[in-house]
Amino acid sequence: MVVGDYLLAGLVAMLTGLDRVALVQIMISRPLVAAPLTGWVLGSPLVGLEVGMLLELLWLGRLPVGAAIPPDDTQVAVGATVMAISVGHMLNLSGMPMVILSVLIAIPLGKFGQVFDRLARHANDRLAVSGQNALLAGDTNGLERYHLFGLVSFALASLATAVVIVLVGSFVLYSVTPLLIGTLREAGLSLQYSLILVGAASLLGTINVNRSLSLFCAAFTGTMLVLWMR
């Protein structure tokens, strides 16, 4: 990857980050969209789709609504996609094992998104006071300017989260991949289905379904049957 690729990925990080809470909200911030979009601008949309499919279920029931600030699933998706592509090129590796490693490393780094999101909200609290003063003074242009600055705060928070995930995650991924890639290849589809089942269980735990345990057991049994029939 060249510098231009990282700049494009940073632009995607900011646009999808704004979509989470600050602007438009057309759902491009969802991992299932953000990751393939990142992969597309980097020339590997399939890698992004694989990342998005693994991550979407894990965060489908955890939305940034109101004062709730969950780990930044959007930047986890963007960062994991960049890591899988860039580190994969460095090590001349590709395929689902690289994707799984990238996802597993990026997930805990999503906690940085909470930190930067809180900083952005605190900055916007101060901007709100400045905007109110501008409104009382009859300065509508100033009010509009402060409003746009609020978008910049969220965009920079998203970019900072993505940068931390990519930098820290790439270092860890580059270090552990030679040690773990063989084990992941041996695990094959079993590990992939395990991650999907964990995501399904996480989703069922967030919804009000009286028979969620039965649904999970049925899904687990069905998956095992599919594996057995192969």
Protein backbone atom coordinates (compact mmCIF):
# COMPACT_ATOMS: atom_id res chain seq x y z
CA MET A 1 0.00 0.00 0.00
CA VAL A 2 1.15 3.54 -0.81
CA VAL A 3 0.53 6.78 1.06
CA GLY A 4 -2.45 7.56 -1.14
CA ASP A 5 -4.17 4.34 -0.05
CA TYR A 6 -3.83 5.28 3.61
CA LEU A 7 -5.21 8.76 2.87
CA LEU A 8 -8.23 7.21 1.15
CA ALA A 9 -8.75 4.88 4.11
CA GLY A 10 -8.55 7.89 6.44
CA LEU A 11 -11.20 9.67 4.38
CA VAL A 12 -13.47 6.63 4.62
CA ALA A 13 -12.85 6.52 8.38
CA MET A 14 -13.99 10.12 8.78
CA LEU A 15 -17.05 9.82 6.51
CA THR A 16 -18.28 6.60 8.09
CA GLY A 17 -17.48 7.94 11.56
CA LEU A 18 -19.65 11.01 10.95
CA ASP A 19 -22.49 8.73 9.90
CA ARG A 20 -22.55 7.04 13.34
CA VAL A 21 -24.12 9.95 15.24
CA ALA A 22 -23.26 13.33 13.74
CA LEU A 23 -24.39 13.47 10.11
CA VAL A 24 -27.01 11.95 7.81
CA GLN A 25 -27.00 8.45 9.42
CA ILE A 26 -27.59 6.43 6.26
CA MET A 27 -25.98 3.36 7.91
CA ILE A 28 -22.67 3.42 6.02
CA SER A 29 -21.14 3.32 9.50
CA ARG A 30 -22.23 -0.29 9.99
CA PRO A 31 -19.30 -2.76 9.74
CA LEU A 32 -21.06 -4.63 6.95
CA VAL A 33 -20.88 -1.46 4.85
CA ALA A 34 -17.82 0.38 6.22
CA ALA A 35 -15.45 -2.58 5.82
CA PRO A 36 -16.33 -3.40 2.17
CA LEU A 37 -16.21 0.32 1.37
CA THR A 38 -12.70 0.49 2.82
CA GLY A 39 -11.69 -2.64 0.95
CA TRP A 40 -13.10 -1.20 -2.27
CA VAL A 41 -11.06 2.01 -2.11
CA LEU A 42 -7.98 -0.11 -1.35
CA GLY A 43 -8.66 -2.47 -4.25
CA SER A 44 -9.71 -5.52 -2.17
CA PRO A 45 -13.49 -5.33 -1.59
CA LEU A 46 -13.73 -9.07 -0.80
CA VAL A 47 -11.42 -8.65 2.19
CA GLY A 48 -13.64 -5.85 3.46
CA LEU A 49 -16.74 -7.95 3.01
CA GLU A 50 -15.21 -10.80 5.01
CA VAL A 51 -14.27 -8.39 7.81
CA GLY A 52 -17.73 -6.82 7.82
CA MET A 53 -19.51 -10.18 7.95
CA LEU A 54 -17.50 -11.25 11.01
CA LEU A 55 -18.01 -7.96 12.86
CA GLU A 56 -21.61 -7.03 12.07
CA LEU A 57 -23.29 -9.53 14.37
CA LEU A 58 -21.05 -8.63 17.30
CA TRP A 59 -22.21 -5.00 17.33
CA LEU A 60 -25.67 -5.20 15.84
CA GLY A 61 -27.29 -4.78 19.25
CA ARG A 62 -24.94 -2.06 20.55
CA LEU A 63 -25.79 1.30 19.03
CA PRO A 64 -24.37 4.75 19.94
CA VAL A 65 -27.76 6.04 21.10
CA GLY A 66 -28.11 8.95 23.51
CA ALA A 67 -25.35 9.04 26.11
CA ALA A 68 -24.27 5.45 25.41
CA ILE A 69 -20.79 5.25 23.87
CA PRO A 70 -19.94 1.66 22.86
CA PRO A 71 -16.54 0.74 21.40
CA ASP A 72 -16.23 2.13 17.89
CA ASP A 73 -17.34 -0.75 15.67
CA THR A 74 -17.05 1.42 12.56
CA GLN A 75 -13.36 2.10 13.00
CA VAL A 76 -12.73 -1.49 14.08
CA ALA A 77 -14.13 -2.51 10.69
CA VAL A 78 -12.11 0.10 8.81
CA GLY A 79 -8.93 -0.62 10.77
CA ALA A 80 -9.20 -4.41 10.50
CA THR A 81 -9.67 -4.13 6.73
CA VAL A 82 -6.62 -1.89 6.35
CA MET A 83 -4.57 -4.23 8.55
CA ALA A 84 -5.59 -7.37 6.67
CA ILE A 85 -4.69 -5.79 3.33
CA SER A 86 -1.51 -3.92 4.27
CA VAL A 87 0.09 -6.51 6.56
CA GLY A 88 -1.04 -9.25 4.18
CA HIS A 89 0.91 -7.53 1.41
CA MET A 90 3.97 -7.19 3.65
CA LEU A 91 3.96 -10.88 4.56
CA ASN A 92 2.65 -12.07 1.19
CA LEU A 93 -0.33 -13.69 2.90
CA SER A 94 -4.03 -13.51 2.16
CA GLY A 95 -7.29 -15.29 2.81
CA MET A 96 -9.57 -15.76 5.79
CA PRO A 97 -6.81 -16.53 8.35
CA MET A 98 -5.41 -13.01 7.88
CA VAL A 99 -8.90 -11.56 8.12
CA ILE A 100 -9.66 -13.42 11.35
CA LEU A 101 -6.38 -12.36 12.96
CA SER A 102 -6.97 -8.74 11.94
CA VAL A 103 -10.49 -8.77 13.38
CA LEU A 104 -9.43 -10.36 16.67
CA ILE A 105 -6.64 -7.81 17.13
CA ALA A 106 -8.77 -4.81 16.11
CA ILE A 107 -11.75 -5.58 18.37
CA PRO A 108 -10.14 -4.67 21.74
CA LEU A 109 -8.56 -1.58 20.16
CA GLY A 110 -12.09 -0.31 19.49
CA LYS A 111 -12.08 0.87 23.12
CA PHE A 112 -9.95 3.81 21.98
CA GLY A 113 -13.02 4.96 20.09
CA GLN A 114 -14.81 5.54 23.39
CA VAL A 115 -11.96 7.77 24.58
CA PHE A 116 -11.83 9.90 21.44
CA ASP A 117 -15.64 10.04 21.22
CA ARG A 118 -15.84 11.43 24.76
CA LEU A 119 -13.19 14.03 23.93
CA ALA A 120 -15.20 15.07 20.85
CA ARG A 121 -18.39 15.40 22.90
CA HIS A 122 -16.64 17.49 25.56
CA ALA A 123 -15.26 19.75 22.82
CA ASN A 124 -18.74 20.09 21.34
CA ASP A 125 -20.15 21.03 24.75
CA ARG A 126 -17.85 24.04 24.71
CA LEU A 127 -18.83 24.79 21.12
CA ALA A 128 -22.50 24.72 22.13
CA VAL A 129 -21.86 27.45 24.68
CA SER A 130 -20.01 29.51 22.08
CA GLY A 131 -22.85 28.96 19.62
CA GLN A 132 -25.41 30.09 22.17
CA ASN A 133 -23.44 33.26 22.81
CA ALA A 134 -23.22 33.89 19.07
CA LEU A 135 -26.98 33.44 18.75
CA LEU A 136 -27.66 35.87 21.60
CA ALA A 137 -25.40 38.36 19.87
CA GLY A 138 -27.28 37.93 16.59
CA ASP A 139 -24.26 36.39 14.84
CA THR A 140 -25.91 33.71 12.73
CA ASN A 141 -22.77 33.16 10.68
CA GLY A 142 -20.86 32.43 13.86
CA LEU A 143 -23.56 30.02 14.97
CA GLU A 144 -23.30 28.14 11.69
CA ARG A 145 -19.51 28.07 11.98
CA TYR A 146 -19.62 26.55 15.48
CA HIS A 147 -22.13 23.99 14.27
CA LEU A 148 -19.75 22.88 11.49
CA PHE A 149 -16.87 22.75 13.97
CA GLY A 150 -18.91 20.17 15.87
CA LEU A 151 -18.81 17.90 12.82
CA VAL A 152 -15.05 18.37 12.62
CA SER A 153 -14.70 17.16 16.21
CA PHE A 154 -16.42 13.87 15.43
CA ALA A 155 -14.51 13.47 12.15
CA LEU A 156 -11.17 13.93 13.91
CA ALA A 157 -12.20 11.52 16.68
CA SER A 158 -13.02 8.87 14.08
CA LEU A 159 -9.75 9.46 12.25
CA ALA A 160 -7.75 9.27 15.49
CA THR A 161 -9.42 5.98 16.41
CA ALA A 162 -8.70 4.48 13.00
CA VAL A 163 -5.05 5.62 13.13
CA VAL A 164 -4.51 4.06 16.57
CA ILE A 165 -6.14 0.79 15.50
CA VAL A 166 -4.09 0.58 12.31
CA LEU A 167 -0.76 1.57 13.88
CA VAL A 168 -0.98 -0.55 17.03
CA GLY A 169 -2.87 -3.38 15.34
CA SER A 170 -0.47 -3.62 12.40
CA PHE A 171 2.51 -3.90 14.74
CA VAL A 172 0.82 -6.68 16.73
CA LEU A 173 -0.47 -8.41 13.60
CA TYR A 174 2.93 -8.35 11.92
CA SER A 175 4.49 -9.84 15.07
CA VAL A 176 2.04 -12.67 15.75
CA THR A 177 1.01 -13.70 12.24
CA PRO A 178 4.07 -15.94 11.57
CA LEU A 179 3.36 -17.71 14.88
CA LEU A 180 -0.40 -18.22 14.49
CA ILE A 181 -1.13 -18.41 10.78
CA GLY A 182 -0.52 -22.17 10.62
CA THR A 183 -2.92 -22.88 13.49
CA LEU A 184 -5.60 -20.71 11.92
CA ARG A 185 -5.27 -22.52 8.63
CA GLU A 186 -5.73 -25.85 10.39
CA ALA A 187 -8.81 -24.57 12.22
CA GLY A 188 -10.32 -23.49 8.90
CA LEU A 189 -14.09 -23.17 8.75
CA SER A 190 -14.57 -24.30 12.34
CA LEU A 191 -13.13 -21.03 13.65
CA GLN A 192 -15.11 -18.97 11.16
CA TYR A 193 -18.38 -20.58 12.23
CA SER A 194 -17.38 -20.15 15.88
CA LEU A 195 -17.04 -16.39 15.42
CA ILE A 196 -20.42 -16.25 13.70
CA LEU A 197 -22.02 -18.19 16.54
CA VAL A 198 -20.46 -15.90 19.13
CA GLY A 199 -21.90 -12.95 17.22
CA ALA A 200 -25.33 -14.58 17.09
CA ALA A 201 -25.22 -15.28 20.82
CA SER A 202 -24.19 -11.68 21.51
CA LEU A 203 -27.08 -10.38 19.42
CA LEU A 204 -29.64 -12.66 21.06
CA GLY A 205 -28.47 -11.48 24.47
CA THR A 206 -29.47 -7.90 23.64
CA ILE A 207 -33.00 -8.53 22.39
CA ASN A 208 -36.15 -9.32 24.31
CA VAL A 209 -36.85 -12.81 23.04
CA ASN A 210 -38.25 -15.28 25.57
CA ARG A 211 -36.89 -18.24 23.71
CA SER A 212 -33.50 -16.80 22.76
CA LEU A 213 -31.69 -19.78 24.29
CA SER A 214 -33.76 -22.16 22.18
CA LEU A 215 -33.04 -20.11 19.07
CA PHE A 216 -29.32 -20.14 19.79
CA CYS A 217 -29.29 -23.90 20.39
CA ALA A 218 -31.21 -24.49 17.17
CA ALA A 219 -28.77 -22.32 15.22
CA PHE A 220 -25.79 -24.06 16.81
CA THR A 221 -27.23 -27.49 16.02
CA GLY A 222 -27.98 -26.45 12.46
CA THR A 223 -24.42 -25.23 11.96
CA MET A 224 -23.00 -28.47 13.32
CA LEU A 225 -25.22 -30.43 10.92
CA VAL A 226 -23.94 -28.37 8.00
CA LEU A 227 -20.36 -29.07 9.05
CA TRP A 228 -21.12 -32.79 9.47
CA MET A 229 -22.75 -33.01 6.01
CA ARG A 230 -19.65 -31.49 4.41
